[in-house]
């Protein structure tokens, strides 16, 4: 074997061995995807409601009324798209005023869900609102 060929073979072997050692920084467990966020901004008429459907993976959904022009609480609900208020069957409802903390938090299975904002019977005029939905 020629000296050049021998040197090339030795370098190739050295590189191969060097590439096999060292630390392995690959995760040993799957990483959890970041949650999704959705801003639901619309308006509610006197005696009315507004709904937003969204898909979710298994995990925790939180819902927070961030802003409204109403001076009275609004109804805020989480449920399953089907029937009922704004085609959403509500599983959880609260009277909500704007907050920096979620007013609804629910652990769910993967599937389709809906959030509804509705008049509790206290509105005297149409009002705008802004809801933050965080879901897996």
N, C-alpha and C. Protein backbone atom coordinates (compact mmCIF):
# COMPACT_ATOMS: atom_id res chain seq x y z
N UNK A 1 0.86 -1.15 0.00
CA UNK A 1 0.00 0.00 0.00
C UNK A 1 0.91 1.23 0.00
N UNK A 2 0.49 2.20 -0.78
CA UNK A 2 1.31 3.41 -0.89
C UNK A 2 1.18 4.23 0.39
N UNK A 3 2.22 5.05 0.73
CA UNK A 3 2.16 5.85 1.95
C UNK A 3 0.99 6.83 1.93
N UNK A 4 0.62 7.41 0.77
CA UNK A 4 -0.48 8.37 0.69
C UNK A 4 -1.80 7.67 0.97
N UNK A 5 -1.92 6.49 0.35
CA UNK A 5 -3.15 5.73 0.55
C UNK A 5 -3.29 5.28 2.00
N UNK A 6 -2.21 4.87 2.60
CA UNK A 6 -2.20 4.45 4.00
C UNK A 6 -2.56 5.60 4.93
N UNK A 7 -2.03 6.81 4.63
CA UNK A 7 -2.34 7.98 5.44
C UNK A 7 -3.81 8.34 5.32
N UNK A 8 -4.35 8.27 4.10
CA UNK A 8 -5.76 8.57 3.88
C UNK A 8 -6.64 7.59 4.63
N UNK A 9 -6.29 6.32 4.60
CA UNK A 9 -7.06 5.30 5.30
C UNK A 9 -6.99 5.53 6.82
N UNK A 10 -5.83 5.87 7.33
CA UNK A 10 -5.67 6.14 8.77
C UNK A 10 -6.51 7.34 9.19
N UNK A 11 -6.53 8.40 8.37
CA UNK A 11 -7.33 9.59 8.69
C UNK A 11 -8.82 9.27 8.68
N UNK A 12 -9.25 8.47 7.71
CA UNK A 12 -10.66 8.08 7.63
C UNK A 12 -11.06 7.30 8.86
N UNK A 13 -10.21 6.38 9.29
CA UNK A 13 -10.50 5.59 10.50
C UNK A 13 -10.56 6.49 11.73
N UNK A 14 -9.63 7.42 11.83
CA UNK A 14 -9.60 8.32 12.98
C UNK A 14 -10.87 9.18 13.03
N UNK A 15 -11.31 9.68 11.89
CA UNK A 15 -12.54 10.49 11.85
C UNK A 15 -13.75 9.65 12.21
N UNK A 16 -13.80 8.44 11.74
CA UNK A 16 -14.93 7.57 12.03
C UNK A 16 -15.01 7.28 13.53
N UNK A 17 -13.88 6.95 14.15
CA UNK A 17 -13.85 6.66 15.57
C UNK A 17 -14.18 7.92 16.38
N UNK A 18 -13.68 9.07 15.98
CA UNK A 18 -13.95 10.32 16.69
C UNK A 18 -15.43 10.67 16.64
N UNK A 19 -16.07 10.36 15.53
CA UNK A 19 -17.49 10.66 15.39
C UNK A 19 -18.37 9.76 16.21
N UNK A 20 -17.86 8.63 16.66
CA UNK A 20 -18.67 7.67 17.42
C UNK A 20 -18.69 7.95 18.91
N UNK A 21 -17.75 8.73 19.40
CA UNK A 21 -17.68 8.98 20.84
C UNK A 21 -18.41 10.26 21.19
N UNK A 22 -18.13 10.79 22.35
CA UNK A 22 -18.71 12.07 22.76
C UNK A 22 -20.07 11.89 23.38
N UNK A 23 -20.69 13.02 23.79
CA UNK A 23 -21.98 12.87 24.40
C UNK A 23 -23.10 12.90 23.39
N UNK A 24 -24.13 12.27 23.81
CA UNK A 24 -25.32 12.16 22.99
C UNK A 24 -26.36 13.06 23.64
N UNK A 25 -26.62 14.21 23.05
CA UNK A 25 -27.55 15.17 23.64
C UNK A 25 -28.98 15.01 23.12
N UNK A 26 -29.28 13.90 22.52
CA UNK A 26 -30.63 13.68 22.03
C UNK A 26 -31.56 13.45 23.22
N UNK A 27 -32.77 14.01 23.17
CA UNK A 27 -33.70 13.80 24.28
C UNK A 27 -34.08 12.33 24.40
N UNK A 28 -34.22 11.88 25.63
CA UNK A 28 -34.60 10.49 25.86
C UNK A 28 -36.11 10.33 25.98
N UNK A 29 -36.81 11.43 26.17
CA UNK A 29 -38.27 11.38 26.22
C UNK A 29 -38.82 12.38 25.21
N UNK A 30 -40.01 12.13 24.69
CA UNK A 30 -40.58 13.08 23.73
C UNK A 30 -40.83 14.44 24.38
N UNK A 31 -40.65 15.49 23.61
CA UNK A 31 -40.91 16.83 24.13
C UNK A 31 -42.39 17.15 23.98
N UNK A 32 -42.90 17.95 24.88
CA UNK A 32 -44.31 18.35 24.85
C UNK A 32 -44.46 19.56 23.95
N UNK A 33 -45.40 19.51 22.99
CA UNK A 33 -45.60 20.68 22.12
C UNK A 33 -46.08 21.88 22.94
N UNK A 34 -45.72 23.06 22.49
CA UNK A 34 -46.19 24.28 23.14
C UNK A 34 -47.69 24.41 22.97
N UNK A 35 -48.37 25.01 23.95
CA UNK A 35 -49.82 25.19 23.79
C UNK A 35 -50.14 26.20 22.69
N UNK A 36 -51.33 26.08 22.16
CA UNK A 36 -51.83 27.03 21.17
C UNK A 36 -52.61 28.11 21.89
N UNK A 37 -52.63 29.30 21.31
CA UNK A 37 -53.45 30.37 21.87
C UNK A 37 -54.34 30.93 20.77
N UNK A 38 -55.50 31.36 21.16
CA UNK A 38 -56.44 31.95 20.23
C UNK A 38 -57.12 33.12 20.91
N UNK A 39 -57.20 34.25 20.20
CA UNK A 39 -57.94 35.40 20.70
C UNK A 39 -59.31 35.36 20.03
N UNK A 40 -60.34 35.34 20.83
CA UNK A 40 -61.72 35.35 20.35
C UNK A 40 -62.26 36.73 20.65
N UNK A 41 -62.32 37.57 19.63
CA UNK A 41 -62.83 38.94 19.78
C UNK A 41 -64.07 39.08 18.92
N UNK A 42 -65.15 39.51 19.54
CA UNK A 42 -66.42 39.67 18.82
C UNK A 42 -67.31 40.60 19.65
N UNK A 43 -68.62 40.41 19.50
CA UNK A 43 -69.56 41.20 20.30
C UNK A 43 -70.77 40.34 20.67
N UNK A 44 -71.44 40.76 21.73
CA UNK A 44 -72.64 40.08 22.21
C UNK A 44 -73.78 41.09 22.17
N UNK A 45 -74.89 40.67 21.60
CA UNK A 45 -76.08 41.53 21.58
C UNK A 45 -76.91 41.27 22.85
N UNK A 46 -77.86 42.14 23.13
CA UNK A 46 -78.74 41.97 24.27
C UNK A 46 -79.48 40.63 24.09
N UNK A 47 -79.35 39.76 25.08
CA UNK A 47 -79.98 38.44 25.03
C UNK A 47 -79.27 37.46 24.12
N UNK A 48 -78.13 37.83 23.56
CA UNK A 48 -77.45 36.99 22.58
C UNK A 48 -76.20 36.30 23.10
N UNK A 49 -75.51 35.66 22.16
CA UNK A 49 -74.27 34.95 22.49
C UNK A 49 -73.40 34.88 21.24
N UNK A 50 -72.14 34.56 21.47
CA UNK A 50 -71.17 34.36 20.38
C UNK A 50 -70.29 33.18 20.76
N UNK A 51 -69.93 32.35 19.77
CA UNK A 51 -69.16 31.13 20.05
C UNK A 51 -67.98 31.00 19.11
N UNK A 52 -66.97 30.28 19.58
CA UNK A 52 -65.79 29.95 18.78
C UNK A 52 -65.45 28.49 19.00
N UNK A 53 -65.33 27.71 17.92
CA UNK A 53 -64.93 26.30 17.99
C UNK A 53 -63.43 26.20 17.75
N UNK A 54 -62.79 25.18 18.34
CA UNK A 54 -61.36 24.96 18.13
C UNK A 54 -61.03 23.51 18.44
N UNK A 55 -59.99 22.96 17.77
CA UNK A 55 -59.55 21.60 18.07
C UNK A 55 -58.52 21.64 19.21
N UNK A 56 -58.45 20.56 19.98
CA UNK A 56 -57.48 20.51 21.07
C UNK A 56 -56.92 19.10 21.21
N UNK A 57 -55.66 19.01 21.61
CA UNK A 57 -55.08 17.74 22.02
C UNK A 57 -55.46 17.52 23.49
N UNK A 58 -55.12 16.36 24.02
CA UNK A 58 -55.35 16.08 25.44
C UNK A 58 -54.52 17.04 26.29
N UNK A 59 -55.10 17.52 27.37
CA UNK A 59 -54.38 18.43 28.26
C UNK A 59 -55.34 19.39 28.93
N UNK A 60 -54.86 20.59 29.23
CA UNK A 60 -55.66 21.58 29.95
C UNK A 60 -55.98 22.77 29.06
N UNK A 61 -57.25 23.12 29.02
CA UNK A 61 -57.72 24.33 28.32
C UNK A 61 -57.99 25.39 29.38
N UNK A 62 -57.52 26.63 29.11
CA UNK A 62 -57.89 27.74 29.98
C UNK A 62 -58.56 28.81 29.14
N UNK A 63 -59.52 29.51 29.77
CA UNK A 63 -60.29 30.55 29.09
C UNK A 63 -60.33 31.76 30.00
N UNK A 64 -60.05 32.92 29.40
CA UNK A 64 -60.03 34.15 30.20
C UNK A 64 -60.67 35.30 29.43
N UNK A 65 -61.66 35.94 30.04
CA UNK A 65 -62.24 37.16 29.50
C UNK A 65 -61.24 38.28 29.78
N UNK A 66 -60.62 38.82 28.72
CA UNK A 66 -59.58 39.84 28.89
C UNK A 66 -60.15 41.25 28.90
N UNK A 67 -61.21 41.49 28.10
CA UNK A 67 -61.71 42.85 27.97
C UNK A 67 -63.16 42.82 27.52
N UNK A 68 -63.93 43.81 27.95
CA UNK A 68 -65.30 43.99 27.50
C UNK A 68 -65.70 45.44 27.75
N UNK A 69 -66.62 45.91 26.96
CA UNK A 69 -67.15 47.26 27.16
C UNK A 69 -68.31 47.27 28.15
N UNK A 70 -68.81 46.08 28.47
CA UNK A 70 -69.96 45.98 29.39
C UNK A 70 -69.54 46.36 30.80
N UNK A 71 -70.46 46.97 31.52
CA UNK A 71 -70.19 47.30 32.92
C UNK A 71 -70.75 46.21 33.84
N UNK A 72 -71.29 45.16 33.25
CA UNK A 72 -71.83 44.05 34.02
C UNK A 72 -71.13 42.76 33.58
N UNK A 73 -71.17 41.72 34.41
CA UNK A 73 -70.54 40.45 34.02
C UNK A 73 -71.20 39.85 32.77
N UNK A 74 -70.42 39.06 32.07
CA UNK A 74 -70.92 38.28 30.93
C UNK A 74 -70.82 36.81 31.28
N UNK A 75 -71.63 35.99 30.64
CA UNK A 75 -71.50 34.55 30.78
C UNK A 75 -70.34 34.07 29.93
N UNK A 76 -69.55 33.15 30.46
CA UNK A 76 -68.41 32.58 29.76
C UNK A 76 -68.50 31.08 29.94
N UNK A 77 -68.46 30.34 28.85
CA UNK A 77 -68.62 28.90 28.96
C UNK A 77 -67.70 28.13 28.04
N UNK A 78 -67.41 26.88 28.44
CA UNK A 78 -66.61 25.94 27.66
C UNK A 78 -67.43 24.68 27.48
N UNK A 79 -67.43 24.15 26.27
CA UNK A 79 -68.21 22.94 26.03
C UNK A 79 -67.83 22.25 24.75
N UNK A 80 -68.78 21.46 24.26
CA UNK A 80 -68.60 20.66 23.04
C UNK A 80 -69.52 21.18 21.94
N UNK A 81 -69.00 21.32 20.73
CA UNK A 81 -69.86 21.75 19.63
C UNK A 81 -70.96 20.72 19.40
N UNK A 82 -72.20 21.16 19.39
CA UNK A 82 -73.32 20.28 19.10
C UNK A 82 -74.60 21.08 19.04
N UNK A 83 -75.21 21.29 20.17
CA UNK A 83 -76.46 22.04 20.23
C UNK A 83 -76.39 22.98 21.42
N UNK A 84 -77.47 23.55 21.79
CA UNK A 84 -77.46 24.45 22.94
C UNK A 84 -77.12 25.87 22.55
N UNK A 85 -76.53 26.61 23.49
CA UNK A 85 -76.20 28.02 23.29
C UNK A 85 -75.18 28.14 22.15
N UNK A 86 -75.55 28.85 21.09
CA UNK A 86 -74.66 29.08 19.94
C UNK A 86 -74.06 27.78 19.42
N UNK A 87 -74.86 26.71 19.36
CA UNK A 87 -74.41 25.40 18.89
C UNK A 87 -73.25 24.85 19.70
N UNK A 88 -73.27 25.09 20.99
CA UNK A 88 -72.24 24.60 21.91
C UNK A 88 -72.94 24.10 23.17
N UNK A 89 -72.74 22.82 23.48
CA UNK A 89 -73.27 22.27 24.72
C UNK A 89 -72.26 22.56 25.81
N UNK A 90 -72.63 23.47 26.72
CA UNK A 90 -71.69 23.95 27.74
C UNK A 90 -71.55 22.97 28.89
N UNK A 91 -70.30 22.66 29.25
CA UNK A 91 -70.01 21.81 30.40
C UNK A 91 -69.61 22.64 31.61
N UNK A 92 -69.04 23.82 31.35
CA UNK A 92 -68.57 24.70 32.42
C UNK A 92 -69.02 26.11 32.09
N UNK A 93 -69.61 26.81 33.06
CA UNK A 93 -70.00 28.20 32.86
C UNK A 93 -69.63 29.02 34.09
N UNK A 94 -69.31 30.29 33.86
CA UNK A 94 -69.02 31.22 34.95
C UNK A 94 -69.56 32.59 34.58
N UNK A 95 -69.80 33.41 35.60
CA UNK A 95 -70.05 34.84 35.38
C UNK A 95 -68.67 35.48 35.38
N UNK A 96 -68.34 36.21 34.33
CA UNK A 96 -66.98 36.71 34.19
C UNK A 96 -66.94 38.22 33.97
N UNK A 97 -65.96 38.83 34.59
CA UNK A 97 -65.58 40.22 34.31
C UNK A 97 -64.12 40.15 33.87
N UNK A 98 -63.61 41.17 33.17
CA UNK A 98 -62.23 41.11 32.70
C UNK A 98 -61.26 40.76 33.83
N UNK A 99 -60.29 39.90 33.51
CA UNK A 99 -59.36 39.39 34.51
C UNK A 99 -58.00 39.13 33.89
N UNK A 100 -56.98 39.08 34.74
CA UNK A 100 -55.65 38.69 34.29
C UNK A 100 -55.41 37.20 34.52
N UNK A 101 -56.34 36.53 35.17
CA UNK A 101 -56.25 35.10 35.44
C UNK A 101 -57.37 34.36 34.71
N UNK A 102 -57.11 33.10 34.30
CA UNK A 102 -58.17 32.33 33.64
C UNK A 102 -59.38 32.15 34.56
N UNK A 103 -60.57 32.28 33.97
CA UNK A 103 -61.79 32.04 34.74
C UNK A 103 -62.27 30.60 34.58
N UNK A 104 -61.83 29.94 33.53
CA UNK A 104 -62.17 28.52 33.31
C UNK A 104 -60.88 27.77 33.05
N UNK A 105 -60.73 26.62 33.68
CA UNK A 105 -59.61 25.71 33.44
C UNK A 105 -60.18 24.30 33.47
N UNK A 106 -59.92 23.54 32.41
CA UNK A 106 -60.49 22.19 32.33
C UNK A 106 -59.51 21.23 31.67
N UNK A 107 -59.36 20.05 32.25
CA UNK A 107 -58.56 18.99 31.64
C UNK A 107 -59.45 18.24 30.66
N UNK A 108 -58.95 18.07 29.41
CA UNK A 108 -59.78 17.51 28.35
C UNK A 108 -59.05 16.41 27.60
N UNK A 109 -59.82 15.60 26.90
CA UNK A 109 -59.29 14.64 25.94
C UNK A 109 -59.16 15.34 24.60
N UNK A 110 -58.43 14.75 23.67
CA UNK A 110 -58.32 15.32 22.33
C UNK A 110 -59.71 15.38 21.69
N UNK A 111 -60.00 16.47 20.98
CA UNK A 111 -61.29 16.60 20.32
C UNK A 111 -61.59 18.04 19.97
N UNK A 112 -62.84 18.29 19.62
CA UNK A 112 -63.31 19.65 19.29
C UNK A 112 -64.01 20.25 20.50
N UNK A 113 -63.73 21.53 20.75
CA UNK A 113 -64.33 22.23 21.88
C UNK A 113 -64.83 23.59 21.41
N UNK A 114 -65.61 24.26 22.27
CA UNK A 114 -66.13 25.58 21.93
C UNK A 114 -66.16 26.45 23.19
N UNK A 115 -66.00 27.74 22.95
CA UNK A 115 -66.12 28.74 24.00
C UNK A 115 -67.28 29.65 23.61
N UNK A 116 -68.12 30.00 24.58
CA UNK A 116 -69.26 30.87 24.33
C UNK A 116 -69.21 32.04 25.30
N UNK A 117 -69.49 33.23 24.78
CA UNK A 117 -69.69 34.43 25.60
C UNK A 117 -71.15 34.81 25.41
N UNK A 118 -71.87 35.05 26.52
CA UNK A 118 -73.31 35.31 26.38
C UNK A 118 -73.79 36.33 27.41
N UNK A 119 -74.93 36.95 27.07
CA UNK A 119 -75.58 37.91 27.95
C UNK A 119 -76.25 37.16 29.09
N UNK A 120 -75.99 37.60 30.30
CA UNK A 120 -76.63 37.00 31.48
C UNK A 120 -77.99 37.61 31.76
N UNK A 121 -78.48 38.46 30.85
CA UNK A 121 -79.76 39.14 31.05
C UNK A 121 -79.58 40.54 31.61
N UNK A 122 -78.34 41.02 31.63
CA UNK A 122 -78.07 42.33 32.22
C UNK A 122 -77.60 43.37 31.20
N UNK A 123 -77.33 42.96 29.96
CA UNK A 123 -76.87 43.92 28.95
C UNK A 123 -78.01 44.84 28.53
N UNK A 124 -77.68 46.09 28.30
CA UNK A 124 -78.66 47.06 27.78
C UNK A 124 -78.30 47.50 26.37
N UNK A 125 -77.12 47.06 25.90
CA UNK A 125 -76.67 47.39 24.55
C UNK A 125 -75.65 46.34 24.11
N UNK A 126 -75.44 46.24 22.80
CA UNK A 126 -74.41 45.34 22.28
C UNK A 126 -73.06 45.74 22.86
N UNK A 127 -72.25 44.74 23.21
CA UNK A 127 -70.93 45.02 23.78
C UNK A 127 -69.86 44.16 23.10
N UNK A 128 -68.69 44.75 22.92
CA UNK A 128 -67.55 44.02 22.39
C UNK A 128 -66.86 43.28 23.53
N UNK A 129 -66.14 42.21 23.18
CA UNK A 129 -65.37 41.46 24.17
C UNK A 129 -64.12 40.89 23.52
N UNK A 130 -63.22 40.40 24.37
CA UNK A 130 -61.97 39.81 23.94
C UNK A 130 -61.65 38.67 24.92
N UNK A 131 -61.55 37.45 24.41
CA UNK A 131 -61.30 36.27 25.24
C UNK A 131 -60.00 35.61 24.77
N UNK A 132 -59.18 35.18 25.72
CA UNK A 132 -57.97 34.43 25.42
C UNK A 132 -58.23 32.96 25.72
N UNK A 133 -58.00 32.10 24.71
CA UNK A 133 -58.17 30.65 24.87
C UNK A 133 -56.78 30.03 24.70
N UNK A 134 -56.36 29.24 25.68
CA UNK A 134 -55.08 28.53 25.61
C UNK A 134 -55.41 27.04 25.68
N UNK A 135 -54.90 26.29 24.70
CA UNK A 135 -55.24 24.86 24.63
C UNK A 135 -54.07 24.06 24.09
N UNK A 136 -54.02 22.77 24.48
CA UNK A 136 -52.90 21.92 24.04
C UNK A 136 -52.97 21.59 22.55
